[in-house]
N, C-alpha and C. Protein backbone atom coordinates (compact mmCIF):
# COMPACT_ATOMS: atom_id res chain seq x y z
N UNK A 1 61.18 53.88 121.77
CA UNK A 1 62.36 53.06 121.54
C UNK A 1 63.45 53.94 120.97
N UNK A 2 64.66 53.78 121.47
CA UNK A 2 65.81 54.46 120.90
C UNK A 2 67.02 53.53 121.01
N UNK A 3 68.03 53.85 120.22
CA UNK A 3 69.24 53.02 120.19
C UNK A 3 70.40 53.84 120.72
N UNK A 4 71.08 53.33 121.73
CA UNK A 4 72.24 53.98 122.31
C UNK A 4 73.42 53.04 122.22
N UNK A 5 74.46 53.46 121.53
CA UNK A 5 75.67 52.66 121.31
C UNK A 5 75.35 51.29 120.71
N UNK A 6 74.37 51.25 119.84
CA UNK A 6 74.02 50.03 119.15
C UNK A 6 73.07 49.12 119.89
N UNK A 7 72.69 49.48 121.11
CA UNK A 7 71.77 48.66 121.90
C UNK A 7 70.41 49.32 121.95
N UNK A 8 69.37 48.57 121.60
CA UNK A 8 68.03 49.16 121.64
C UNK A 8 67.49 49.25 123.07
N UNK A 9 66.85 50.37 123.38
CA UNK A 9 66.17 50.57 124.64
C UNK A 9 64.71 50.87 124.34
N UNK A 10 63.82 50.16 125.00
CA UNK A 10 62.39 50.36 124.76
C UNK A 10 61.76 51.05 125.97
N UNK A 11 60.58 51.59 125.74
CA UNK A 11 59.91 52.34 126.81
C UNK A 11 59.47 51.45 127.96
N UNK A 12 59.17 50.17 127.68
CA UNK A 12 58.73 49.28 128.76
C UNK A 12 59.89 48.61 129.48
N UNK A 13 61.09 48.69 128.93
CA UNK A 13 62.26 48.11 129.58
C UNK A 13 62.34 46.60 129.51
N UNK A 14 61.50 46.00 128.71
CA UNK A 14 61.44 44.55 128.60
C UNK A 14 62.56 44.02 127.71
N UNK A 15 63.12 42.91 128.10
CA UNK A 15 64.18 42.28 127.31
C UNK A 15 63.61 41.70 126.02
N UNK A 16 62.41 41.15 126.09
CA UNK A 16 61.81 40.54 124.90
C UNK A 16 61.54 41.58 123.81
N UNK A 17 61.10 42.76 124.18
CA UNK A 17 60.88 43.79 123.16
C UNK A 17 62.20 44.30 122.59
N UNK A 18 63.24 44.37 123.41
CA UNK A 18 64.56 44.77 122.92
C UNK A 18 65.11 43.72 121.95
N UNK A 19 64.86 42.44 122.24
CA UNK A 19 65.31 41.38 121.33
C UNK A 19 64.55 41.42 120.01
N UNK A 20 63.28 41.77 120.04
CA UNK A 20 62.50 41.89 118.81
C UNK A 20 63.05 43.01 117.92
N UNK A 21 63.41 44.12 118.53
CA UNK A 21 64.00 45.24 117.78
C UNK A 21 65.34 44.82 117.20
N UNK A 22 66.14 44.13 117.98
CA UNK A 22 67.45 43.66 117.52
C UNK A 22 67.29 42.66 116.37
N UNK A 23 66.30 41.80 116.46
CA UNK A 23 66.05 40.82 115.39
C UNK A 23 65.64 41.51 114.10
N UNK A 24 64.88 42.59 114.18
CA UNK A 24 64.48 43.32 112.98
C UNK A 24 65.69 43.94 112.29
N UNK A 25 66.63 44.47 113.07
CA UNK A 25 67.82 45.06 112.46
C UNK A 25 68.71 43.99 111.84
N UNK A 26 68.78 42.84 112.47
CA UNK A 26 69.57 41.74 111.91
C UNK A 26 68.94 41.24 110.62
N UNK A 27 67.62 41.20 110.56
CA UNK A 27 66.93 40.74 109.37
C UNK A 27 67.27 41.59 108.16
N UNK A 28 67.43 42.88 108.35
CA UNK A 28 67.80 43.74 107.22
C UNK A 28 69.18 43.38 106.69
N UNK A 29 70.11 43.05 107.58
CA UNK A 29 71.44 42.64 107.15
C UNK A 29 71.41 41.29 106.43
N UNK A 30 70.58 40.39 106.90
CA UNK A 30 70.45 39.09 106.26
C UNK A 30 69.90 39.25 104.85
N UNK A 31 68.91 40.11 104.69
CA UNK A 31 68.33 40.33 103.37
C UNK A 31 69.34 40.97 102.41
N UNK A 32 70.20 41.85 102.92
CA UNK A 32 71.25 42.43 102.09
C UNK A 32 72.24 41.36 101.64
N UNK A 33 72.58 40.44 102.53
CA UNK A 33 73.50 39.36 102.17
C UNK A 33 72.87 38.44 101.13
N UNK A 34 71.59 38.12 101.30
CA UNK A 34 70.90 37.28 100.32
C UNK A 34 70.86 37.97 98.96
N UNK A 35 70.63 39.26 98.95
CA UNK A 35 70.63 40.02 97.70
C UNK A 35 72.01 39.97 97.05
N UNK A 36 73.07 40.10 97.84
CA UNK A 36 74.43 40.03 97.32
C UNK A 36 74.69 38.67 96.68
N UNK A 37 74.28 37.60 97.35
CA UNK A 37 74.51 36.25 96.83
C UNK A 37 73.75 36.04 95.52
N UNK A 38 72.52 36.54 95.45
CA UNK A 38 71.72 36.36 94.23
C UNK A 38 72.29 37.16 93.06
N UNK A 39 72.78 38.37 93.34
CA UNK A 39 73.33 39.20 92.27
C UNK A 39 74.68 38.69 91.79
N UNK A 40 75.44 38.08 92.67
CA UNK A 40 76.79 37.63 92.36
C UNK A 40 76.88 36.11 92.44
N UNK A 41 76.08 35.42 91.66
CA UNK A 41 76.04 33.97 91.76
C UNK A 41 77.26 33.30 91.14
N UNK A 42 78.08 34.01 90.37
CA UNK A 42 79.27 33.41 89.78
C UNK A 42 80.52 33.64 90.63
N UNK A 43 80.36 34.39 91.72
CA UNK A 43 81.49 34.65 92.61
C UNK A 43 81.85 33.36 93.35
N UNK A 44 83.13 33.07 93.51
CA UNK A 44 83.52 31.85 94.23
C UNK A 44 83.01 31.83 95.67
N UNK A 45 82.88 30.63 96.19
CA UNK A 45 82.37 30.45 97.55
C UNK A 45 83.25 31.14 98.58
N UNK A 46 84.55 31.16 98.34
CA UNK A 46 85.47 31.77 99.30
C UNK A 46 85.14 33.26 99.49
N UNK A 47 84.81 33.93 98.41
CA UNK A 47 84.46 35.35 98.50
C UNK A 47 83.14 35.53 99.25
N UNK A 48 82.18 34.68 98.96
CA UNK A 48 80.90 34.75 99.66
C UNK A 48 81.09 34.50 101.15
N UNK A 49 81.97 33.58 101.48
CA UNK A 49 82.24 33.28 102.89
C UNK A 49 82.89 34.47 103.58
N UNK A 50 83.80 35.14 102.88
CA UNK A 50 84.45 36.33 103.48
C UNK A 50 83.45 37.45 103.70
N UNK A 51 82.54 37.64 102.76
CA UNK A 51 81.50 38.65 102.93
C UNK A 51 80.60 38.27 104.10
N UNK A 52 80.26 37.00 104.19
CA UNK A 52 79.44 36.53 105.31
C UNK A 52 80.13 36.80 106.64
N UNK A 53 81.41 36.44 106.73
CA UNK A 53 82.15 36.64 107.97
C UNK A 53 82.27 38.12 108.33
N UNK A 54 82.55 38.95 107.32
CA UNK A 54 82.78 40.37 107.59
C UNK A 54 81.50 41.12 107.89
N UNK A 55 80.46 40.87 107.14
CA UNK A 55 79.26 41.68 107.26
C UNK A 55 78.19 41.06 108.15
N UNK A 56 77.86 39.83 107.89
CA UNK A 56 76.70 39.24 108.55
C UNK A 56 77.04 38.65 109.91
N UNK A 57 78.13 37.93 110.01
CA UNK A 57 78.47 37.27 111.27
C UNK A 57 78.74 38.28 112.37
N UNK A 58 79.39 39.39 112.03
CA UNK A 58 79.65 40.41 113.04
C UNK A 58 78.34 41.03 113.54
N UNK A 59 77.39 41.19 112.64
CA UNK A 59 76.09 41.73 113.03
C UNK A 59 75.32 40.75 113.91
N UNK A 60 75.39 39.47 113.57
CA UNK A 60 74.69 38.46 114.36
C UNK A 60 75.26 38.32 115.76
N UNK A 61 76.58 38.43 115.87
CA UNK A 61 77.22 38.25 117.17
C UNK A 61 77.31 39.53 117.98
N UNK A 62 76.86 40.65 117.43
CA UNK A 62 76.88 41.90 118.14
C UNK A 62 75.99 41.81 119.36
N UNK A 63 76.51 42.12 120.50
CA UNK A 63 75.73 42.07 121.73
C UNK A 63 75.85 40.76 122.46
N UNK A 64 76.51 39.78 121.89
CA UNK A 64 76.69 38.51 122.60
C UNK A 64 77.79 38.66 123.64
N UNK A 65 77.61 38.02 124.75
CA UNK A 65 78.58 38.10 125.83
C UNK A 65 79.14 36.70 126.06
N UNK A 66 80.45 36.62 126.10
CA UNK A 66 81.11 35.36 126.40
C UNK A 66 81.46 35.36 127.88
N UNK A 67 80.94 34.37 128.58
CA UNK A 67 81.17 34.28 130.01
C UNK A 67 82.24 33.24 130.25
N UNK A 68 83.31 33.63 130.88
CA UNK A 68 84.40 32.71 131.18
C UNK A 68 84.45 32.38 132.66
N UNK A 69 85.14 31.34 132.96
CA UNK A 69 85.22 30.96 134.38
C UNK A 69 86.42 31.57 135.04
């Protein structure tokens, strides 16, 4: 398995194994966000939302394709 331009490529070429690798990388970002929220529990919701949008949402939507007509 290797990552080229942010996309995982596996030796078997299977989409399901590539999605598993992508899910593992996303999980690390989710855990970092949860740690941030726990450490900064007095921070206003607006700040937490901005951190979510900037850090976590971009990671979750990475690789998504919008198909238009």
